[in-house]
Amino acid sequence: MTDAQYTTLPQWPNAYPASGASATLKSLNEDFIVTELPLQLPSGAGEHIWLDIEKNGANTAFVAQQLAAAAGVKEWDVGYAGLKDRYAITRQWFSIYLPKGETPDLTQLQHPEFKVLSQSRHVKKLRPGDLQGNRFRIVLRDVIGDRDAIETNLQAVASHGAPNYFGAQRFGHDGGNVTQGLAMLAREIRVRNPKKKGIYLSAVRSFVFNEVLALRIQQGLWGKTLPGDVMDEAGQPTGPLWGRGRVITTDQAQALENGVAERHATLCDGMEHAGLDQARRALVARPVDMSWEWPQAHQLVLSFSLPAGNYATSILNEILRATEADRHTENESEAVE
């Protein structure tokens, strides 16, 4: 792929042989249940109110707007650790900066798409990434295909993990965020909105990471360590989140990553000049406490936890082809770094 060809996302390769099976995802909101795993719980004292909220059919930003209005504060005074899907039942924490005055009882707030389960005070605001991860319970309906092949891939993912690709949600409809990011970095367009600029930079950075991971799989390197790899705390190889500074891999790993950077020179050069610093991300997503059951012949229920920034869709893609209704094309991502 050249710099001029970012109008559609490539079909990045799977780690395991395709099962050939298919299923329907998110027929109902309750088919996709996400529970945030917080880094900490509120202490009971401080300038911020922390709210444990369950939402059903609402996106995270909308709930934040409603909370700001109910508390009489600006939207930037409301914090949260990560975006959660709209078409799902999700439980997550929000914070509101309210240092003075009487504390409103927001558990009495009535809304058809979310409810406040509890509230308490804490000393700090919730910011993106302030979470351990997420726990998922996913119901796949209308499963069609070889059950033995599905079980084989389930066992493989549970034992060895899945490619830690950024999900398609990260890139916008038809990869449009990457296209816009390229135009921005090539100075063909000016993006003044800081939020949009951040979205485009994140999409471009994620795209390059996926390209590195895809190349390793294409070269038969899935599950293998290359000479010169940079390992994470768990002793697993990592891939680059592009930015300023030298690539810290060496030998074969550095050659592979630099080769991808040369293919996407406008993206990588632009990210360096945009002020992003080099970072690393695990190449393997490892689900924790993964289990599954078949309550009916054509229904599969999966449960697992993932660290912050990992995508449930990366797990599903290695098991079968899951399709969603058209209403889900503008979904928010399951997790955001």
Protein backbone atom coordinates (compact mmCIF):
# COMPACT_ATOMS: atom_id res chain seq x y z
CA MET A 1 0.00 0.00 0.00
CA THR A 2 1.34 3.44 -0.92
CA ASP A 3 0.65 6.82 0.65
CA ALA A 4 -1.97 7.51 -2.02
CA GLN A 5 -4.03 4.40 -1.23
CA TYR A 6 -5.73 4.70 2.15
CA THR A 7 -9.32 4.88 0.99
CA THR A 8 -10.14 1.38 2.28
CA LEU A 9 -8.66 -0.68 5.10
CA PRO A 10 -6.66 -3.75 4.08
CA GLN A 11 -7.76 -7.23 5.11
CA TRP A 12 -5.13 -7.85 7.79
CA PRO A 13 -4.30 -11.57 8.15
CA ASN A 14 -5.45 -13.88 10.92
CA ALA A 15 -3.08 -15.86 13.10
CA TYR A 16 -5.04 -19.12 12.82
CA PRO A 17 -6.73 -20.92 9.92
CA ALA A 18 -10.21 -19.56 9.29
CA SER A 19 -12.99 -21.66 10.80
CA GLY A 20 -15.30 -20.74 7.91
CA ALA A 21 -18.07 -20.10 10.44
CA SER A 22 -20.24 -17.01 10.75
CA ALA A 23 -22.56 -15.50 13.36
CA THR A 24 -24.61 -12.42 14.16
CA LEU A 25 -23.25 -10.01 16.77
CA LYS A 26 -25.33 -7.57 18.83
CA SER A 27 -28.79 -8.60 17.73
CA LEU A 28 -29.80 -7.15 21.11
CA ASN A 29 -27.97 -4.72 23.39
CA GLU A 30 -27.76 -7.44 26.04
CA ASP A 31 -25.76 -9.60 23.62
CA PHE A 32 -22.72 -7.41 24.33
CA ILE A 33 -22.11 -6.75 28.03
CA VAL A 34 -18.99 -4.84 29.07
CA THR A 35 -17.90 -4.23 32.65
CA GLU A 36 -15.05 -1.81 33.25
CA LEU A 37 -12.28 -3.02 35.58
CA PRO A 38 -11.15 0.15 37.41
CA LEU A 39 -7.62 0.90 38.54
CA GLN A 40 -8.99 2.04 41.89
CA LEU A 41 -12.24 2.71 43.68
CA PRO A 42 -13.26 6.08 45.13
CA SER A 43 -11.89 6.82 48.59
CA GLY A 44 -15.00 8.61 49.87
CA ALA A 45 -13.42 12.06 50.08
CA GLY A 46 -12.15 14.62 47.59
CA GLU A 47 -13.19 17.29 45.08
CA HIS A 48 -14.59 14.86 42.51
CA ILE A 49 -17.78 12.79 42.54
CA TRP A 50 -17.29 9.32 41.08
CA LEU A 51 -20.35 7.60 39.59
CA ASP A 52 -20.77 3.90 38.85
CA ILE A 53 -23.09 3.89 35.82
CA GLU A 54 -24.81 1.23 33.74
CA LYS A 55 -25.82 2.38 30.27
CA ASN A 56 -28.00 0.64 27.69
CA GLY A 57 -28.08 2.00 24.14
CA ALA A 58 -26.20 5.23 24.86
CA ASN A 59 -22.65 6.22 23.96
CA THR A 60 -20.17 7.42 26.55
CA ALA A 61 -19.98 11.04 25.37
CA PHE A 62 -23.77 11.37 25.50
CA VAL A 63 -23.87 10.15 29.10
CA ALA A 64 -21.10 12.61 30.00
CA GLN A 65 -23.17 15.45 28.51
CA GLN A 66 -26.22 14.42 30.52
CA LEU A 67 -24.20 14.24 33.73
CA ALA A 68 -22.72 17.68 33.14
CA ALA A 69 -26.18 19.14 32.64
CA ALA A 70 -27.57 17.42 35.74
CA ALA A 71 -24.67 18.61 37.91
CA GLY A 72 -24.60 22.12 36.42
CA VAL A 73 -20.97 21.91 35.24
CA LYS A 74 -19.11 22.16 31.93
CA GLU A 75 -18.55 18.99 29.90
CA TRP A 76 -14.80 19.14 30.48
CA ASP A 77 -15.46 18.73 34.21
CA VAL A 78 -16.76 15.21 33.53
CA GLY A 79 -14.17 12.46 33.15
CA TYR A 80 -14.17 8.80 32.16
CA ALA A 81 -11.52 6.16 31.60
CA GLY A 82 -12.63 4.78 28.23
CA LEU A 83 -15.27 4.81 25.54
CA LYS A 84 -17.77 1.97 25.55
CA ASP A 85 -20.03 0.71 22.76
CA ARG A 86 -23.41 2.33 22.30
CA TYR A 87 -25.30 -0.80 21.23
CA ALA A 88 -24.50 -2.77 24.36
CA ILE A 89 -25.05 -2.88 28.09
CA THR A 90 -21.96 -1.41 29.68
CA ARG A 91 -20.91 -0.52 33.20
CA GLN A 92 -18.27 2.13 33.76
CA TRP A 93 -17.13 4.92 36.06
CA PHE A 94 -17.51 8.66 35.46
CA SER A 95 -16.17 11.55 37.54
CA ILE A 96 -17.51 15.10 38.01
CA TYR A 97 -15.45 17.97 39.41
CA LEU A 98 -17.58 19.49 42.17
CA PRO A 99 -15.25 20.91 44.84
CA LYS A 100 -17.74 23.17 46.60
CA GLY A 101 -21.37 23.33 47.59
CA GLU A 102 -23.88 20.66 48.37
CA THR A 103 -23.33 17.27 46.75
CA PRO A 104 -26.26 16.39 44.45
CA ASP A 105 -27.68 12.88 44.74
CA LEU A 106 -27.25 11.76 41.13
CA THR A 107 -28.47 8.25 41.92
CA GLN A 108 -31.93 9.82 41.64
CA LEU A 109 -31.27 10.86 38.02
CA GLN A 110 -33.85 9.24 35.74
CA HIS A 111 -32.94 8.44 32.12
CA PRO A 112 -34.16 5.62 29.84
CA GLU A 113 -30.64 4.83 28.55
CA PHE A 114 -28.56 4.85 31.74
CA LYS A 115 -28.77 4.67 35.51
CA VAL A 116 -26.43 5.75 38.30
CA LEU A 117 -25.80 2.71 40.51
CA SER A 118 -23.77 4.49 43.18
CA GLN A 119 -21.71 7.61 43.85
CA SER A 120 -18.85 8.55 46.11
CA ARG A 121 -16.16 11.22 46.33
CA HIS A 122 -12.54 10.90 45.31
CA VAL A 123 -9.40 13.04 45.08
CA LYS A 124 -8.80 12.90 41.32
CA LYS A 125 -10.53 13.10 37.96
CA LEU A 126 -10.93 10.04 35.77
CA ARG A 127 -8.86 10.34 32.62
CA PRO A 128 -8.60 8.20 29.46
CA GLY A 129 -6.68 5.02 30.21
CA ASP A 130 -7.38 5.02 33.95
CA LEU A 131 -8.58 1.41 33.95
CA GLN A 132 -7.15 -2.08 34.23
CA GLY A 133 -9.27 -3.40 31.40
CA ASN A 134 -12.75 -4.66 30.58
CA ARG A 135 -14.74 -7.83 31.18
CA PHE A 136 -16.87 -9.00 28.24
CA ARG A 137 -19.86 -11.31 27.92
CA ILE A 138 -20.75 -11.75 24.25
CA VAL A 139 -23.68 -13.68 22.78
CA LEU A 140 -23.23 -14.79 19.17
CA ARG A 141 -26.48 -15.82 17.47
CA ASP A 142 -27.25 -17.63 14.21
CA VAL A 143 -23.93 -19.47 14.31
CA ILE A 144 -23.38 -21.32 11.05
CA GLY A 145 -20.39 -23.55 10.33
CA ASP A 146 -18.25 -26.41 11.57
CA ARG A 147 -18.51 -26.51 15.36
CA ASP A 148 -15.28 -28.50 15.67
CA ALA A 149 -13.41 -25.81 13.69
CA ILE A 150 -14.86 -23.12 15.95
CA GLU A 151 -13.82 -25.07 19.04
CA THR A 152 -10.30 -25.50 17.64
CA ASN A 153 -9.91 -21.73 17.24
CA LEU A 154 -11.46 -21.06 20.64
CA GLN A 155 -8.88 -23.32 22.24
CA ALA A 156 -6.06 -21.69 20.26
CA VAL A 157 -7.07 -18.17 21.30
CA ALA A 158 -7.56 -19.19 24.94
CA SER A 159 -4.11 -20.82 25.00
CA HIS A 160 -2.02 -18.50 22.83
CA GLY A 161 -3.96 -15.25 22.45
CA ALA A 162 -4.87 -13.34 19.29
CA PRO A 163 -3.22 -10.62 17.19
CA ASN A 164 -3.58 -7.39 19.15
CA TYR A 165 -4.91 -5.42 16.19
CA PHE A 166 -6.62 -2.10 16.71
CA GLY A 167 -10.27 -2.69 15.80
CA ALA A 168 -11.96 -1.25 12.73
CA GLN A 169 -13.83 1.18 15.01
CA ARG A 170 -10.53 3.01 15.52
CA PHE A 171 -10.34 3.95 11.86
CA GLY A 172 -13.81 5.37 11.25
CA HIS A 173 -16.29 4.44 8.53
CA ASP A 174 -14.41 2.75 5.63
CA GLY A 175 -11.11 3.83 7.20
CA GLY A 176 -12.00 7.50 6.75
CA ASN A 177 -9.99 8.62 9.78
CA VAL A 178 -6.80 7.31 8.17
CA THR A 179 -7.57 9.13 4.92
CA GLN A 180 -8.21 12.35 6.79
CA GLY A 181 -5.12 11.80 8.92
CA LEU A 182 -2.96 11.40 5.82
CA ALA A 183 -4.37 14.60 4.33
CA MET A 184 -3.71 16.42 7.61
CA LEU A 185 -0.14 15.17 7.92
CA ALA A 186 0.53 15.95 4.25
CA ARG A 187 -0.81 19.48 4.95
CA GLU A 188 -3.51 19.10 2.35
CA ILE A 189 -6.12 20.04 4.96
CA ARG A 190 -5.97 22.00 8.22
CA VAL A 191 -7.66 20.51 11.25
CA ARG A 192 -8.29 23.09 13.96
CA ASN A 193 -10.47 20.99 16.26
CA PRO A 194 -8.09 19.37 18.81
CA LYS A 195 -10.42 16.40 19.34
CA LYS A 196 -10.60 15.63 15.62
CA LYS A 197 -6.86 16.05 15.28
CA GLY A 198 -6.35 13.56 18.10
CA ILE A 199 -8.73 11.08 16.47
CA TYR A 200 -6.89 11.29 13.14
CA LEU A 201 -3.45 10.95 14.73
CA SER A 202 -4.65 7.97 16.76
CA ALA A 203 -6.04 6.30 13.62
CA VAL A 204 -2.82 6.80 11.68
CA ARG A 205 -0.68 5.51 14.53
CA SER A 206 -2.93 2.48 14.97
CA PHE A 207 -2.84 1.78 11.22
CA VAL A 208 0.97 1.61 11.17
CA PHE A 209 0.98 -0.70 14.20
CA ASN A 210 -1.50 -3.03 12.48
CA GLU A 211 0.68 -3.04 9.36
CA VAL A 212 3.71 -4.16 11.40
CA LEU A 213 1.71 -6.90 13.11
CA ALA A 214 0.20 -8.03 9.79
CA LEU A 215 3.64 -8.30 8.17
CA ARG A 216 4.92 -10.47 11.00
CA ILE A 217 1.97 -12.83 10.54
CA GLN A 218 2.44 -12.87 6.75
CA GLN A 219 6.08 -13.83 7.26
CA GLY A 220 5.14 -16.75 9.50
CA LEU A 221 6.31 -15.02 12.69
CA TRP A 222 3.11 -15.35 14.71
CA GLY A 223 3.96 -16.60 18.19
CA LYS A 224 7.68 -16.09 17.58
CA THR A 225 10.26 -13.65 18.89
CA LEU A 226 12.59 -11.90 16.46
CA PRO A 227 16.20 -10.96 17.21
CA GLY A 228 16.09 -7.35 18.42
CA ASP A 229 12.49 -7.43 19.68
CA VAL A 230 11.51 -5.16 22.57
CA MET A 231 9.63 -7.18 25.18
CA ASP A 232 6.86 -6.00 27.50
CA GLU A 233 6.61 -6.67 31.25
CA ALA A 234 5.08 -10.06 30.54
CA GLY A 235 8.02 -11.02 28.34
CA GLN A 236 6.05 -10.73 25.09
CA PRO A 237 7.23 -8.93 21.91
CA THR A 238 5.84 -5.47 21.17
CA GLY A 239 5.18 -3.37 18.08
CA PRO A 240 5.70 0.36 17.49
CA LEU A 241 3.33 3.21 18.21
CA TRP A 242 5.10 5.66 15.92
CA GLY A 243 6.44 9.03 17.00
CA ARG A 244 9.58 11.03 17.70
CA GLY A 245 12.79 9.30 18.64
CA ARG A 246 14.70 6.30 17.39
CA VAL A 247 13.07 2.92 16.98
CA ILE A 248 14.35 1.01 20.01
CA THR A 249 14.25 -2.41 18.38
CA THR A 250 17.44 -3.74 16.79
CA ASP A 251 18.49 -6.36 14.24
CA GLN A 252 15.69 -8.16 12.36
CA ALA A 253 12.87 -6.56 14.37
CA GLN A 254 14.12 -3.06 13.58
CA ALA A 255 14.55 -3.89 9.90
CA LEU A 256 10.96 -5.13 9.69
CA GLU A 257 9.55 -2.04 11.45
CA ASN A 258 11.65 0.38 9.39
CA GLY A 259 10.49 -1.36 6.23
CA VAL A 260 6.87 -0.68 7.15
CA ALA A 261 7.75 2.93 8.01
CA GLU A 262 9.33 3.41 4.59
CA ARG A 263 6.14 2.15 2.90
CA HIS A 264 4.12 4.67 4.89
CA ALA A 265 6.64 7.48 4.95
CA THR A 266 4.16 10.35 4.91
CA LEU A 267 2.30 8.90 7.89
CA CYS A 268 5.40 8.15 9.97
CA ASP A 269 7.21 11.40 9.18
CA GLY A 270 4.05 13.32 9.91
CA MET A 271 3.58 11.63 13.29
CA GLU A 272 7.15 12.49 14.28
CA HIS A 273 6.56 16.16 13.44
CA ALA A 274 3.14 16.14 15.15
CA GLY A 275 4.79 15.76 18.53
CA LEU A 276 3.98 12.11 19.24
CA ASP A 277 6.66 10.18 21.11
CA GLN A 278 7.65 6.60 20.32
CA ALA A 279 5.78 4.03 22.42
CA ARG A 280 5.24 0.27 22.32
CA ARG A 281 2.19 -2.00 22.35
CA ALA A 282 1.93 -5.76 22.88
CA LEU A 283 1.58 -7.72 19.64
CA VAL A 284 -0.56 -10.38 21.32
CA ALA A 285 -3.92 -9.84 23.02
CA ARG A 286 -4.28 -12.41 25.79
CA PRO A 287 -7.82 -12.93 27.08
CA VAL A 288 -8.01 -13.70 30.80
CA ASP A 289 -10.43 -16.24 32.30
CA MET A 290 -11.82 -17.08 28.86
CA SER A 291 -14.76 -19.47 28.82
CA TRP A 292 -17.57 -20.36 26.42
CA GLU A 293 -20.74 -22.37 26.22
CA TRP A 294 -23.36 -23.41 23.65
CA PRO A 295 -26.76 -22.77 25.30
CA GLN A 296 -28.41 -23.62 21.96
CA ALA A 297 -27.25 -25.33 18.78
CA HIS A 298 -26.66 -22.05 16.93
CA GLN A 299 -25.78 -19.79 19.87
CA LEU A 300 -22.32 -19.30 21.36
CA VAL A 301 -21.68 -17.30 24.56
CA LEU A 302 -18.14 -16.05 25.27
CA SER A 303 -16.75 -14.52 28.46
CA PHE A 304 -13.27 -13.06 28.93
CA SER A 305 -11.33 -10.05 30.20
CA LEU A 306 -8.87 -7.92 28.24
CA PRO A 307 -6.36 -5.27 29.33
CA ALA A 308 -7.08 -1.61 28.60
CA GLY A 309 -6.69 -0.75 24.92
CA ASN A 310 -7.37 -4.27 23.62
CA TYR A 311 -10.35 -4.94 21.35
CA ALA A 312 -12.89 -7.73 21.79
CA THR A 313 -13.33 -7.79 18.01
CA SER A 314 -9.70 -8.95 17.66
CA ILE A 315 -10.63 -12.03 19.68
CA LEU A 316 -13.83 -12.69 17.73
CA ASN A 317 -12.09 -12.32 14.34
CA GLU A 318 -9.91 -15.33 15.11
CA ILE A 319 -12.90 -17.53 15.93
CA LEU A 320 -15.48 -16.79 13.22
CA ARG A 321 -16.86 -14.01 11.02
CA ALA A 322 -19.27 -11.93 13.11
CA THR A 323 -21.49 -9.43 11.34
CA GLU A 324 -23.51 -6.60 12.86
CA ALA A 325 -26.63 -4.76 11.76
CA ASP A 326 -26.21 -1.46 9.90
CA ARG A 327 -27.04 0.49 13.05
CA HIS A 328 -23.61 -0.42 14.43
CA THR A 329 -21.45 1.21 11.74
CA GLU A 330 -20.83 4.30 13.88
CA ASN A 331 -20.03 2.41 17.07
CA GLU A 332 -17.52 3.64 19.56
CA SER A 333 -14.67 1.31 20.31
CA GLU A 334 -14.74 -1.16 23.19
CA ALA A 335 -11.60 0.27 24.68
CA VAL A 336 -9.45 3.29 24.17
CA GLU A 337 -5.85 3.81 25.19
